[in-house]
Amino acid sequence: QMQLVESGGGLVQPGGSLRLSCVVSGSIFRLLPMGWYRQAPGKQRELVARIFSDSTTWYRDSVKGRFTISRDNAKSTLYLQMNSLNRNDTAVYYCNQSPPAGNGWGQGTQVTVSS
């Protein structure tokens, strides 16, 4: 069973940046496609960005050019660099295999964009 621990969230002003991290254990991280997801209040969880084992990436249109997903296989860690944040990015951010494949979810990390 995969264990996921997200960190790096916080309160940031519009236009600001944050870098999220996710430490993954209990799986062969380097072989897995991984993703960052987010869930805003009253909305369904959505996939934000995805990275395959060969480091090919995919992004939701609303974050293209602003977010960058990356991975460090030696550290079993997934990252999400978020720039030019706006209020629509406010949500709890989670990492998981992509698709989740029956894994549980971590506690997530709260990102709040507000002036």
PDB file of N, CA and C in Angstrom:
ATOM      1  N   GLN A   1       0.842  -1.183   0.000  1.00  0.00           N
ATOM      2  CA  GLN A   1       0.000   0.000   0.000  1.00  0.00           C
ATOM      3  C   GLN A   1       0.888   1.248   0.000  1.00  0.00           C
ATOM      4  N   MET A   2       0.576   2.165  -0.887  1.00  0.00           N
ATOM      5  CA  MET A   2       1.351   3.382  -1.011  1.00  0.00           C
ATOM      6  C   MET A   2       1.028   4.342   0.133  1.00  0.00           C
ATOM      7  N   GLN A   3       2.062   4.962   0.710  1.00  0.00           N
ATOM      8  CA  GLN A   3       1.878   6.030   1.696  1.00  0.00           C
ATOM      9  C   GLN A   3       2.326   7.338   1.068  1.00  0.00           C
ATOM     10  N   LEU A   4       1.550   8.385   1.303  1.00  0.00           N
ATOM     11  CA  LEU A   4       1.763   9.667   0.655  1.00  0.00           C
ATOM     12  C   LEU A   4       1.754  10.773   1.704  1.00  0.00           C
ATOM     13  N   VAL A   5       2.782  11.595   1.701  1.00  0.00           N
ATOM     14  CA  VAL A   5       2.848  12.707   2.656  1.00  0.00           C
ATOM     15  C   VAL A   5       3.144  13.988   1.892  1.00  0.00           C
ATOM     16  N   GLU A   6       2.134  14.853   1.817  1.00  0.00           N
ATOM     17  CA  GLU A   6       2.266  16.117   1.102  1.00  0.00           C
ATOM     18  C   GLU A   6       2.670  17.241   2.051  1.00  0.00           C
ATOM     19  N   SER A   7       3.379  18.218   1.527  1.00  0.00           N
ATOM     20  CA  SER A   7       3.769  19.381   2.313  1.00  0.00           C
ATOM     21  C   SER A   7       4.042  20.553   1.388  1.00  0.00           C
ATOM     22  N   GLY A   8       4.191  21.732   1.986  1.00  0.00           N
ATOM     23  CA  GLY A   8       4.578  22.910   1.213  1.00  0.00           C
ATOM     24  C   GLY A   8       3.484  23.921   0.956  1.00  0.00           C
ATOM     25  N   GLY A   9       2.274  23.600   1.350  1.00  0.00           N
ATOM     26  CA  GLY A   9       1.183  24.544   1.148  1.00  0.00           C
ATOM     27  C   GLY A   9       1.277  25.737   2.080  1.00  0.00           C
ATOM     28  N   GLY A  10       0.342  26.678   1.912  1.00  0.00           N
ATOM     29  CA  GLY A  10       0.327  27.839   2.764  1.00  0.00           C
ATOM     30  C   GLY A  10      -0.547  28.921   2.199  1.00  0.00           C
ATOM     31  N   LEU A  11      -0.446  30.090   2.811  1.00  0.00           N
ATOM     32  CA  LEU A  11      -1.180  31.274   2.370  1.00  0.00           C
ATOM     33  C   LEU A  11      -0.249  32.121   1.508  1.00  0.00           C
ATOM     34  N   VAL A  12      -0.709  32.490   0.330  1.00  0.00           N
ATOM     35  CA  VAL A  12       0.117  33.268  -0.585  1.00  0.00           C
ATOM     36  C   VAL A  12      -0.758  34.308  -1.273  1.00  0.00           C
ATOM     37  N   GLN A  13      -0.170  35.430  -1.599  1.00  0.00           N
ATOM     38  CA  GLN A  13      -0.909  36.478  -2.306  1.00  0.00           C
ATOM     39  C   GLN A  13      -1.046  36.127  -3.776  1.00  0.00           C
ATOM     40  N   PRO A  14      -2.063  36.657  -4.426  1.00  0.00           N
ATOM     41  CA  PRO A  14      -2.186  36.458  -5.881  1.00  0.00           C
ATOM     42  C   PRO A  14      -0.896  36.878  -6.584  1.00  0.00           C
ATOM     43  N   GLY A  15      -0.477  36.048  -7.520  1.00  0.00           N
ATOM     44  CA  GLY A  15       0.771  36.279  -8.222  1.00  0.00           C
ATOM     45  C   GLY A  15       1.969  35.616  -7.580  1.00  0.00           C
ATOM     46  N   GLY A  16       1.790  35.082  -6.399  1.00  0.00           N
ATOM     47  CA  GLY A  16       2.885  34.453  -5.683  1.00  0.00           C
ATOM     48  C   GLY A  16       3.163  33.028  -6.133  1.00  0.00           C
ATOM     49  N   SER A  17       4.127  32.411  -5.449  1.00  0.00           N
ATOM     50  CA  SER A  17       4.572  31.063  -5.804  1.00  0.00           C
ATOM     51  C   SER A  17       4.642  30.168  -4.571  1.00  0.00           C
ATOM     52  N   LEU A  18       4.479  28.886  -4.806  1.00  0.00           N
ATOM     53  CA  LEU A  18       4.676  27.859  -3.787  1.00  0.00           C
ATOM     54  C   LEU A  18       5.252  26.629  -4.461  1.00  0.00           C
ATOM     55  N   ARG A  19       5.966  25.841  -3.671  1.00  0.00           N
ATOM     56  CA  ARG A  19       6.464  24.560  -4.157  1.00  0.00           C
ATOM     57  C   ARG A  19       5.970  23.471  -3.222  1.00  0.00           C
ATOM     58  N   LEU A  20       5.201  22.570  -3.773  1.00  0.00           N
ATOM     59  CA  LEU A  20       4.676  21.447  -3.005  1.00  0.00           C
ATOM     60  C   LEU A  20       5.588  20.231  -3.164  1.00  0.00           C
ATOM     61  N   SER A  21       5.644  19.429  -2.110  1.00  0.00           N
ATOM     62  CA  SER A  21       6.410  18.182  -2.139  1.00  0.00           C
ATOM     63  C   SER A  21       5.529  17.034  -1.674  1.00  0.00           C
ATOM     64  N   CYS A  22       5.833  15.857  -2.158  1.00  0.00           N
ATOM     65  CA  CYS A  22       5.105  14.653  -1.751  1.00  0.00           C
ATOM     66  C   CYS A  22       6.105  13.512  -1.652  1.00  0.00           C
ATOM     67  N   VAL A  23       6.284  13.002  -0.454  1.00  0.00           N
ATOM     68  CA  VAL A  23       7.154  11.850  -0.244  1.00  0.00           C
ATOM     69  C   VAL A  23       6.305  10.583  -0.330  1.00  0.00           C
ATOM     70  N   VAL A  24       6.762   9.657  -1.152  1.00  0.00           N
ATOM     71  CA  VAL A  24       6.009   8.435  -1.418  1.00  0.00           C
ATOM     72  C   VAL A  24       6.785   7.233  -0.904  1.00  0.00           C
ATOM     73  N   SER A  25       6.109   6.345  -0.215  1.00  0.00           N
ATOM     74  CA  SER A  25       6.750   5.120   0.243  1.00  0.00           C
ATOM     75  C   SER A  25       5.816   3.944   0.005  1.00  0.00           C
ATOM     76  N   GLY A  26       6.371   2.753   0.083  1.00  0.00           N
ATOM     77  CA  GLY A  26       5.553   1.554  -0.062  1.00  0.00           C
ATOM     78  C   GLY A  26       5.276   1.159  -1.486  1.00  0.00           C
ATOM     79  N   SER A  27       6.063   1.678  -2.432  1.00  0.00           N
ATOM     80  CA  SER A  27       5.844   1.317  -3.818  1.00  0.00           C
ATOM     81  C   SER A  27       7.125   1.557  -4.609  1.00  0.00           C
ATOM     82  N   ILE A  28       7.134   1.066  -5.824  1.00  0.00           N
ATOM     83  CA  ILE A  28       8.276   1.296  -6.699  1.00  0.00           C
ATOM     84  C   ILE A  28       8.027   2.612  -7.420  1.00  0.00           C
ATOM     85  N   PHE A  29       8.356   3.692  -6.727  1.00  0.00           N
ATOM     86  CA  PHE A  29       7.990   5.035  -7.169  1.00  0.00           C
ATOM     87  C   PHE A  29       8.441   5.295  -8.594  1.00  0.00           C
ATOM     88  N   ARG A  30       9.655   4.922  -8.917  1.00  0.00           N
ATOM     89  CA  ARG A  30      10.232   5.329 -10.199  1.00  0.00           C
ATOM     90  C   ARG A  30       9.465   4.751 -11.396  1.00  0.00           C
ATOM     91  N   LEU A  31       8.699   3.700 -11.178  1.00  0.00           N
ATOM     92  CA  LEU A  31       7.986   3.049 -12.277  1.00  0.00           C
ATOM     93  C   LEU A  31       6.576   3.600 -12.494  1.00  0.00           C
ATOM     94  N   LEU A  32       6.126   4.428 -11.567  1.00  0.00           N
ATOM     95  CA  LEU A  32       4.721   4.802 -11.545  1.00  0.00           C
ATOM     96  C   LEU A  32       4.449   6.167 -12.155  1.00  0.00           C
ATOM     97  N   PRO A  33       3.369   6.291 -12.936  1.00  0.00           N
ATOM     98  CA  PRO A  33       2.891   7.623 -13.297  1.00  0.00           C
ATOM     99  C   PRO A  33       2.273   8.255 -12.056  1.00  0.00           C
ATOM    100  N   MET A  34       2.633   9.500 -11.781  1.00  0.00           N
ATOM    101  CA  MET A  34       2.174  10.176 -10.567  1.00  0.00           C
ATOM    102  C   MET A  34       1.470  11.478 -10.938  1.00  0.00           C
ATOM    103  N   GLY A  35       0.602  11.918 -10.061  1.00  0.00           N
ATOM    104  CA  GLY A  35      -0.125  13.141 -10.334  1.00  0.00           C
ATOM    105  C   GLY A  35      -0.341  13.998  -9.105  1.00  0.00           C
ATOM    106  N   TRP A  36      -0.563  15.262  -9.346  1.00  0.00           N
ATOM    107  CA  TRP A  36      -1.049  16.184  -8.327  1.00  0.00           C
ATOM    108  C   TRP A  36      -2.528  16.454  -8.611  1.00  0.00           C
ATOM    109  N   TYR A  37      -3.300  16.370  -7.564  1.00  0.00           N
ATOM    110  CA  TYR A  37      -4.728  16.599  -7.626  1.00  0.00           C
ATOM    111  C   TYR A  37      -5.064  17.749  -6.679  1.00  0.00           C
ATOM    112  N   ARG A  38      -6.227  18.339  -6.870  1.00  0.00           N
ATOM    113  CA  ARG A  38      -6.679  19.347  -5.919  1.00  0.00           C
ATOM    114  C   ARG A  38      -8.194  19.276  -5.763  1.00  0.00           C
ATOM    115  N   GLN A  39      -8.635  19.704  -4.587  1.00  0.00           N
ATOM    116  CA  GLN A  39     -10.061  19.743  -4.307  1.00  0.00           C
ATOM    117  C   GLN A  39     -10.392  21.072  -3.645  1.00  0.00           C
ATOM    118  N   ALA A  40     -11.161  21.875  -4.345  1.00  0.00           N
ATOM    119  CA  ALA A  40     -11.612  23.158  -3.809  1.00  0.00           C
ATOM    120  C   ALA A  40     -12.916  22.940  -3.039  1.00  0.00           C
ATOM    121  N   PRO A  41     -13.236  23.834  -2.137  1.00  0.00           N
ATOM    122  CA  PRO A  41     -14.476  23.685  -1.353  1.00  0.00           C
ATOM    123  C   PRO A  41     -15.692  23.544  -2.260  1.00  0.00           C
ATOM    124  N   GLY A  42     -16.487  22.530  -2.004  1.00  0.00           N
ATOM    125  CA  GLY A  42     -17.712  22.316  -2.762  1.00  0.00           C
ATOM    126  C   GLY A  42     -17.518  21.741  -4.149  1.00  0.00           C
ATOM    127  N   LYS A  43     -16.298  21.367  -4.478  1.00  0.00           N
ATOM    128  CA  LYS A  43     -16.020  20.841  -5.816  1.00  0.00           C
ATOM    129  C   LYS A  43     -15.410  19.454  -5.732  1.00  0.00           C
ATOM    130  N   GLN A  44     -15.452  18.751  -6.843  1.00  0.00           N
ATOM    131  CA  GLN A  44     -14.843  17.429  -6.898  1.00  0.00           C
ATOM    132  C   GLN A  44     -13.327  17.542  -7.033  1.00  0.00           C
ATOM    133  N   ARG A  45     -12.655  16.526  -6.569  1.00  0.00           N
ATOM    134  CA  ARG A  45     -11.204  16.457  -6.736  1.00  0.00           C
ATOM    135  C   ARG A  45     -10.885  16.364  -8.227  1.00  0.00           C
ATOM    136  N   GLU A  46      -9.856  17.093  -8.666  1.00  0.00           N
ATOM    137  CA  GLU A  46      -9.484  17.081 -10.076  1.00  0.00           C
ATOM    138  C   GLU A  46      -7.982  16.903 -10.232  1.00  0.00           C
ATOM    139  N   LEU A  47      -7.606  16.292 -11.330  1.00  0.00           N
ATOM    140  CA  LEU A  47      -6.193  16.110 -11.653  1.00  0.00           C
ATOM    141  C   LEU A  47      -5.644  17.416 -12.208  1.00  0.00           C
ATOM    142  N   VAL A  48      -4.543  17.853 -11.664  1.00  0.00           N
ATOM    143  CA  VAL A  48      -3.931  19.113 -12.059  1.00  0.00           C
ATOM    144  C   VAL A  48      -2.757  18.892 -13.004  1.00  0.00           C
ATOM    145  N   ALA A  49      -1.921  17.936 -12.678  1.00  0.00           N
ATOM    146  CA  ALA A  49      -0.721  17.663 -13.473  1.00  0.00           C
ATOM    147  C   ALA A  49      -0.330  16.213 -13.274  1.00  0.00           C
ATOM    148  N   ARG A  50       0.345  15.703 -14.263  1.00  0.00           N
ATOM    149  CA  ARG A  50       0.696  14.293 -14.265  1.00  0.00           C
ATOM    150  C   ARG A  50       2.097  14.134 -14.835  1.00  0.00           C
ATOM    151  N   ILE A  51       2.851  13.155 -14.297  1.00  0.00           N
ATOM    152  CA  ILE A  51       4.178  12.885 -14.825  1.00  0.00           C
ATOM    153  C   ILE A  51       4.363  11.382 -14.911  1.00  0.00           C
ATOM    154  N   PHE A  52       4.823  10.938 -16.044  1.00  0.00           N
ATOM    155  CA  PHE A  52       5.025   9.519 -16.274  1.00  0.00           C
ATOM    156  C   PHE A  52       6.441   9.118 -15.854  1.00  0.00           C
ATOM    157  N   SER A  53       6.698   7.819 -15.898  1.00  0.00           N
ATOM    158  CA  SER A  53       7.992   7.320 -15.446  1.00  0.00           C
ATOM    159  C   SER A  53       9.128   7.840 -16.319  1.00  0.00           C
ATOM    160  N   ASP A  54       8.833   8.198 -17.566  1.00  0.00           N
ATOM    161  CA  ASP A  54       9.874   8.749 -18.445  1.00  0.00           C
ATOM    162  C   ASP A  54       9.928  10.277 -18.364  1.00  0.00           C
ATOM    163  N   SER A  55       9.195  10.852 -17.400  1.00  0.00           N
ATOM    164  CA  SER A  55       9.135  12.293 -17.138  1.00  0.00           C
ATOM    165  C   SER A  55       8.319  13.080 -18.148  1.00  0.00           C
ATOM    166  N   THR A  56       7.607  12.387 -19.013  1.00  0.00           N
ATOM    167  CA  THR A  56       6.617  13.073 -19.845  1.00  0.00           C
ATOM    168  C   THR A  56       5.551  13.674 -18.929  1.00  0.00           C
ATOM    169  N   THR A  57       5.083  14.877 -19.264  1.00  0.00           N
ATOM    170  CA  THR A  57       4.130  15.547 -18.390  1.00  0.00           C
ATOM    171  C   THR A  57       2.837  15.920 -19.104  1.00  0.00           C
ATOM    172  N   TRP A  58       1.823  16.121 -18.308  1.00  0.00           N
ATOM    173  CA  TRP A  58       0.512  16.606 -18.777  1.00  0.00           C
ATOM    174  C   TRP A  58       0.015  17.603 -17.760  1.00  0.00           C
ATOM    175  N   TYR A  59      -0.665  18.664 -18.235  1.00  0.00           N
ATOM    176  CA  TYR A  59      -1.215  19.670 -17.349  1.00  0.00           C
ATOM    177  C   TYR A  59      -2.658  20.002 -17.727  1.00  0.00           C
ATOM    178  N   ARG A  60      -3.442  20.281 -16.707  1.00  0.00           N
ATOM    179  CA  ARG A  60      -4.772  20.847 -16.944  1.00  0.00           C
ATOM    180  C   ARG A  60      -4.586  22.214 -17.596  1.00  0.00           C
ATOM    181  N   ASP A  61      -5.491  22.566 -18.512  1.00  0.00           N
ATOM    182  CA  ASP A  61      -5.347  23.817 -19.255  1.00  0.00           C
ATOM    183  C   ASP A  61      -5.201  25.025 -18.339  1.00  0.00           C
ATOM    184  N   SER A  62      -5.927  25.026 -17.242  1.00  0.00           N
ATOM    185  CA  SER A  62      -5.953  26.207 -16.372  1.00  0.00           C
ATOM    186  C   SER A  62      -4.622  26.463 -15.662  1.00  0.00           C
ATOM    187  N   VAL A  63      -3.716  25.491 -15.663  1.00  0.00           N
ATOM    188  CA  VAL A  63      -2.428  25.670 -14.976  1.00  0.00           C
ATOM    189  C   VAL A  63      -1.244  25.634 -15.929  1.00  0.00           C
ATOM    190  N   LYS A  64      -1.499  25.390 -17.202  1.00  0.00           N
ATOM    191  CA  LYS A  64      -0.403  25.328 -18.177  1.00  0.00           C
ATOM    192  C   LYS A  64       0.372  26.633 -18.193  1.00  0.00           C
ATOM    193  N   GLY A  65       1.694  26.518 -18.197  1.00  0.00           N
ATOM    194  CA  GLY A  65       2.550  27.697 -18.208  1.00  0.00           C
ATOM    195  C   GLY A  65       2.787  28.299 -16.843  1.00  0.00           C
ATOM    196  N   ARG A  66       2.053  27.830 -15.839  1.00  0.00           N
ATOM    197  CA  ARG A  66       2.219  28.348 -14.472  1.00  0.00           C
ATOM    198  C   ARG A  66       2.736  27.294 -13.507  1.00  0.00           C
ATOM    199  N   PHE A  67       2.328  26.048 -13.691  1.00  0.00           N
ATOM    200  CA  PHE A  67       2.721  24.957 -12.799  1.00  0.00           C
ATOM    201  C   PHE A  67       3.718  24.042 -13.511  1.00  0.00           C
ATOM    202  N   THR A  68       4.634  23.484 -12.728  1.00  0.00           N
ATOM    203  CA  THR A  68       5.581  22.516 -13.252  1.00  0.00           C
ATOM    204  C   THR A  68       5.663  21.326 -12.303  1.00  0.00           C
ATOM    205  N   ILE A  69       5.368  20.150 -12.825  1.00  0.00           N
ATOM    206  CA  ILE A  69       5.478  18.922 -12.050  1.00  0.00           C
ATOM    207  C   ILE A  69       6.829  18.284 -12.332  1.00  0.00           C
ATOM    208  N   SER A  70       7.435  17.718 -11.293  1.00  0.00           N
ATOM    209  CA  SER A  70       8.716  17.042 -11.472  1.00  0.00           C
ATOM    210  C   SER A  70       8.823  15.927 -10.431  1.00  0.00           C
ATOM    211  N   ARG A  71       9.819  15.097 -10.617  1.00  0.00           N
ATOM    212  CA  ARG A  71      10.005  13.979  -9.692  1.00  0.00           C
ATOM    213  C   ARG A  71      11.490  13.729  -9.468  1.00  0.00           C
ATOM    214  N   ASP A  72      11.809  13.261  -8.271  1.00  0.00           N
ATOM    215  CA  ASP A  72      13.155  12.832  -7.935  1.00  0.00           C
ATOM    216  C   ASP A  72      13.041  11.369  -7.525  1.00  0.00           C
ATOM    217  N   ASN A  73      13.346  10.476  -8.438  1.00  0.00           N
ATOM    218  CA  ASN A  73      13.177   9.047  -8.168  1.00  0.00           C
ATOM    219  C   ASN A  73      14.102   8.558  -7.061  1.00  0.00           C
ATOM    220  N   ALA A  74      15.271   9.151  -6.929  1.00  0.00           N
ATOM    221  CA  ALA A  74      16.204   8.738  -5.876  1.00  0.00           C
ATOM    222  C   ALA A  74      15.635   9.036  -4.486  1.00  0.00           C
ATOM    223  N   LYS A  75      14.798  10.060  -4.396  1.00  0.00           N
ATOM    224  CA  LYS A  75      14.202  10.448  -3.113  1.00  0.00           C
ATOM    225  C   LYS A  75      12.739  10.022  -2.999  1.00  0.00           C
ATOM    226  N   SER A  76      12.227   9.365  -4.035  1.00  0.00           N
ATOM    227  CA  SER A  76      10.803   8.976  -4.064  1.00  0.00           C
ATOM    228  C   SER A  76       9.915  10.175  -3.727  1.00  0.00           C
ATOM    229  N   THR A  77      10.212  11.280  -4.357  1.00  0.00           N
ATOM    230  CA  THR A  77       9.517  12.527  -4.055  1.00  0.00           C
ATOM    231  C   THR A  77       8.977  13.167  -5.331  1.00  0.00           C
ATOM    232  N   LEU A  78       7.767  13.644  -5.224  1.00  0.00           N
ATOM    233  CA  LEU A  78       7.087  14.334  -6.310  1.00  0.00           C
ATOM    234  C   LEU A  78       6.989  15.814  -5.932  1.00  0.00           C
ATOM    235  N   TYR A  79       7.135  16.689  -6.925  1.00  0.00           N
ATOM    236  CA  TYR A  79       7.092  18.132  -6.673  1.00  0.00           C
ATOM    237  C   TYR A  79       6.064  18.805  -7.577  1.00  0.00           C
ATOM    238  N   LEU A  80       5.583  19.945  -7.110  1.00  0.00           N
ATOM    239  CA  LEU A  80       4.755  20.805  -7.950  1.00  0.00           C
ATOM    240  C   LEU A  80       5.169  22.247  -7.676  1.00  0.00           C
ATOM    241  N   GLN A  81       5.822  22.848  -8.655  1.00  0.00           N
ATOM    242  CA  GLN A  81       6.165  24.274  -8.573  1.00  0.00           C
ATOM    243  C   GLN A  81       4.987  25.057  -9.132  1.00  0.00           C
ATOM    244  N   MET A  82       4.455  25.962  -8.327  1.00  0.00           N
ATOM    245  CA  MET A  82       3.279  26.731  -8.721  1.00  0.00           C
ATOM    246  C   MET A  82       3.630  28.210  -8.733  1.00  0.00           C
ATOM    247  N   ASN A  83       3.527  28.814  -9.886  1.00  0.00           N
ATOM    248  CA  ASN A  83       3.815  30.244 -10.045  1.00  0.00           C
ATOM    249  C   ASN A  83       2.556  30.982 -10.493  1.00  0.00           C
ATOM    250  N   SER A  84       2.589  32.296 -10.369  1.00  0.00           N
ATOM    251  CA  SER A  84       1.467  33.144 -10.793  1.00  0.00           C
ATOM    252  C   SER A  84       0.136  32.624 -10.257  1.00  0.00           C
ATOM    253  N   LEU A  85       0.129  32.322  -8.977  1.00  0.00           N
ATOM    254  CA  LEU A  85      -1.071  31.758  -8.363  1.00  0.00           C
ATOM    255  C   LEU A  85      -2.210  32.767  -8.371  1.00  0.00           C
ATOM    256  N   ASN A  86      -3.413  32.255  -8.534  1.00  0.00           N
ATOM    257  CA  ASN A  86      -4.606  33.097  -8.449  1.00  0.00           C
ATOM    258  C   ASN A  86      -5.628  32.437  -7.522  1.00  0.00           C
ATOM    259  N   ARG A  87      -6.694  33.147  -7.233  1.00  0.00           N
ATOM    260  CA  ARG A  87      -7.654  32.673  -6.247  1.00  0.00           C
ATOM    261  C   ARG A  87      -8.298  31.355  -6.650  1.00  0.00           C
ATOM    262  N   ASN A  88      -8.385  31.106  -7.946  1.00  0.00           N
ATOM    263  CA  ASN A  88      -8.971  29.840  -8.399  1.00  0.00           C
ATOM    264  C   ASN A  88      -8.090  28.625  -8.087  1.00  0.00           C
ATOM    265  N   ASP A  89      -6.850  28.885  -7.666  1.00  0.00           N
ATOM    266  CA  ASP A  89      -5.950  27.785  -7.302  1.00  0.00           C
ATOM    267  C   ASP A  89      -6.110  27.384  -5.841  1.00  0.00           C
ATOM    268  N   THR A  90      -6.921  28.100  -5.094  1.00  0.00           N
ATOM    269  CA  THR A  90      -7.155  27.758  -3.698  1.00  0.00           C
ATOM    270  C   THR A  90      -7.824  26.398  -3.595  1.00  0.00           C
ATOM    271  N   ALA A  91      -7.192  25.502  -2.853  1.00  0.00           N
ATOM    272  CA  ALA A  91      -7.694  24.127  -2.731  1.00  0.00           C
ATOM    273  C   ALA A  91      -6.771  23.348  -1.798  1.00  0.00           C
ATOM    274  N   VAL A  92      -7.203  22.142  -1.451  1.00  0.00           N
ATOM    275  CA  VAL A  92      -6.306  21.178  -0.826  1.00  0.00           C
ATOM    276  C   VAL A  92      -5.668  20.365  -1.953  1.00  0.00           C
ATOM    277  N   TYR A  93      -4.367  20.284  -1.921  1.00  0.00           N
ATOM    278  CA  TYR A  93      -3.619  19.593  -2.965  1.00  0.00           C
ATOM    279  C   TYR A  93      -3.145  18.234  -2.452  1.00  0.00           C
ATOM    280  N   TYR A  94      -3.329  17.236  -3.291  1.00  0.00           N
ATOM    281  CA  TYR A  94      -2.960  15.865  -2.969  1.00  0.00           C
ATOM    282  C   TYR A  94      -2.074  15.302  -4.074  1.00  0.00           C
ATOM    283  N   CYS A  95      -1.238  14.367  -3.714  1.00  0.00           N
ATOM    284  CA  CYS A  95      -0.526  13.599  -4.726  1.00  0.00           C
ATOM    285  C   CYS A  95      -1.024  12.160  -4.675  1.00  0.00           C
ATOM    286  N   ASN A  96      -0.872  11.486  -5.771  1.00  0.00           N
ATOM    287  CA  ASN A  96      -1.237  10.078  -5.827  1.00  0.00           C
ATOM    288  C   ASN A  96      -0.758   9.515  -7.152  1.00  0.00           C
ATOM    289  N   GLN A  97      -0.799   8.220  -7.231  1.00  0.00           N
ATOM    290  CA  GLN A  97      -0.577   7.576  -8.508  1.00  0.00           C
ATOM    291  C   GLN A  97      -1.635   8.111  -9.474  1.00  0.00           C
ATOM    292  N   SER A  98      -1.296   8.108 -10.761  1.00  0.00           N
ATOM    293  CA  SER A  98      -2.241   8.632 -11.743  1.00  0.00           C
ATOM    294  C   SER A  98      -2.445   7.635 -12.877  1.00  0.00           C
ATOM    295  N   PRO A  99      -3.640   7.010 -12.932  1.00  0.00           N
ATOM    296  CA  PRO A  99      -4.786   7.143 -12.023  1.00  0.00           C
ATOM    297  C   PRO A  99      -4.492   6.533 -10.646  1.00  0.00           C
ATOM    298  N   PRO A 100      -5.316   6.845  -9.635  1.00  0.00           N
ATOM    299  CA  PRO A 100      -5.014   6.453  -8.262  1.00  0.00           C
ATOM    300  C   PRO A 100      -4.905   4.960  -8.016  1.00  0.00           C
ATOM    301  N   ALA A 101      -5.512   4.141  -8.807  1.00  0.00           N
ATOM    302  CA  ALA A 101      -5.338   2.682  -8.755  1.00  0.00           C
ATOM    303  C   ALA A 101      -5.670   2.095  -7.388  1.00  0.00           C
ATOM    304  N   GLY A 102      -6.662   2.643  -6.721  1.00  0.00           N
ATOM    305  CA  GLY A 102      -7.099   2.067  -5.459  1.00  0.00           C
ATOM    306  C   GLY A 102      -6.278   2.466  -4.259  1.00  0.00           C
ATOM    307  N   ASN A 103      -5.279   3.316  -4.450  1.00  0.00           N
ATOM    308  CA  ASN A 103      -4.518   3.795  -3.300  1.00  0.00           C
ATOM    309  C   ASN A 103      -5.380   4.695  -2.419  1.00  0.00           C
ATOM    310  N   GLY A 104      -5.092   4.727  -1.156  1.00  0.00           N
ATOM    311  CA  GLY A 104      -5.696   5.722  -0.282  1.00  0.00           C
ATOM    312  C   GLY A 104      -5.089   7.078  -0.575  1.00  0.00           C
ATOM    313  N   TRP A 105      -5.600   8.095   0.093  1.00  0.00           N
ATOM    314  CA  TRP A 105      -5.120   9.458  -0.082  1.00  0.00           C
ATOM    315  C   TRP A 105      -4.383   9.924   1.174  1.00  0.00           C
ATOM    316  N   GLY A 106      -3.402  10.772   0.971  1.00  0.00           N
ATOM    317  CA  GLY A 106      -2.743  11.399   2.095  1.00  0.00           C
ATOM    318  C   GLY A 106      -3.616  12.486   2.688  1.00  0.00           C
ATOM    319  N   GLN A 107      -3.037  13.257   3.593  1.00  0.00           N
ATOM    320  CA  GLN A 107      -3.807  14.307   4.260  1.00  0.00           C
ATOM    321  C   GLN A 107      -3.927  15.553   3.401  1.00  0.00           C
ATOM    322  N   GLY A 108      -3.108  15.647   2.375  1.00  0.00           N
ATOM    323  CA  GLY A 108      -3.131  16.820   1.513  1.00  0.00           C
ATOM    324  C   GLY A 108      -2.447  18.012   2.154  1.00  0.00           C
ATOM    325  N   THR A 109      -2.279  19.055   1.365  1.00  0.00           N
ATOM    326  CA  THR A 109      -1.697  20.300   1.862  1.00  0.00           C
ATOM    327  C   THR A 109      -2.534  21.465   1.344  1.00  0.00           C
ATOM    328  N   GLN A 110      -2.910  22.349   2.246  1.00  0.00           N
ATOM    329  CA  GLN A 110      -3.808  23.442   1.902  1.00  0.00           C
ATOM    330  C   GLN A 110      -3.049  24.574   1.222  1.00  0.00           C
ATOM    331  N   VAL A 111      -3.567  25.013   0.088  1.00  0.00           N
ATOM    332  CA  VAL A 111      -3.052  26.191  -0.610  1.00  0.00           C
ATOM    333  C   VAL A 111      -4.169  27.227  -0.631  1.00  0.00           C
ATOM    334  N   THR A 112      -3.876  28.380  -0.082  1.00  0.00           N
ATOM    335  CA  THR A 112      -4.851  29.469  -0.057  1.00  0.00           C
ATOM    336  C   THR A 112      -4.240  30.693  -0.717  1.00  0.00           C
ATOM    337  N   VAL A 113      -4.894  31.165  -1.752  1.00  0.00           N
ATOM    338  CA  VAL A 113      -4.426  32.348  -2.481  1.00  0.00           C
ATOM    339  C   VAL A 113      -5.371  33.497  -2.144  1.00  0.00           C
ATOM    340  N   SER A 114      -4.829  34.460  -1.428  1.00  0.00           N
ATOM    341  CA  SER A 114      -5.671  35.559  -0.959  1.00  0.00           C
ATOM    342  C   SER A 114      -4.812  36.762  -0.633  1.00  0.00           C
ATOM    343  N   SER A 115      -5.381  37.943  -0.854  1.00  0.00           N
ATOM    344  CA  SER A 115      -4.679  39.170  -0.487  1.00  0.00           C
ATOM    345  C   SER A 115      -5.098  39.623   0.905  1.00  0.00           C
TER     346      SER A 115
END
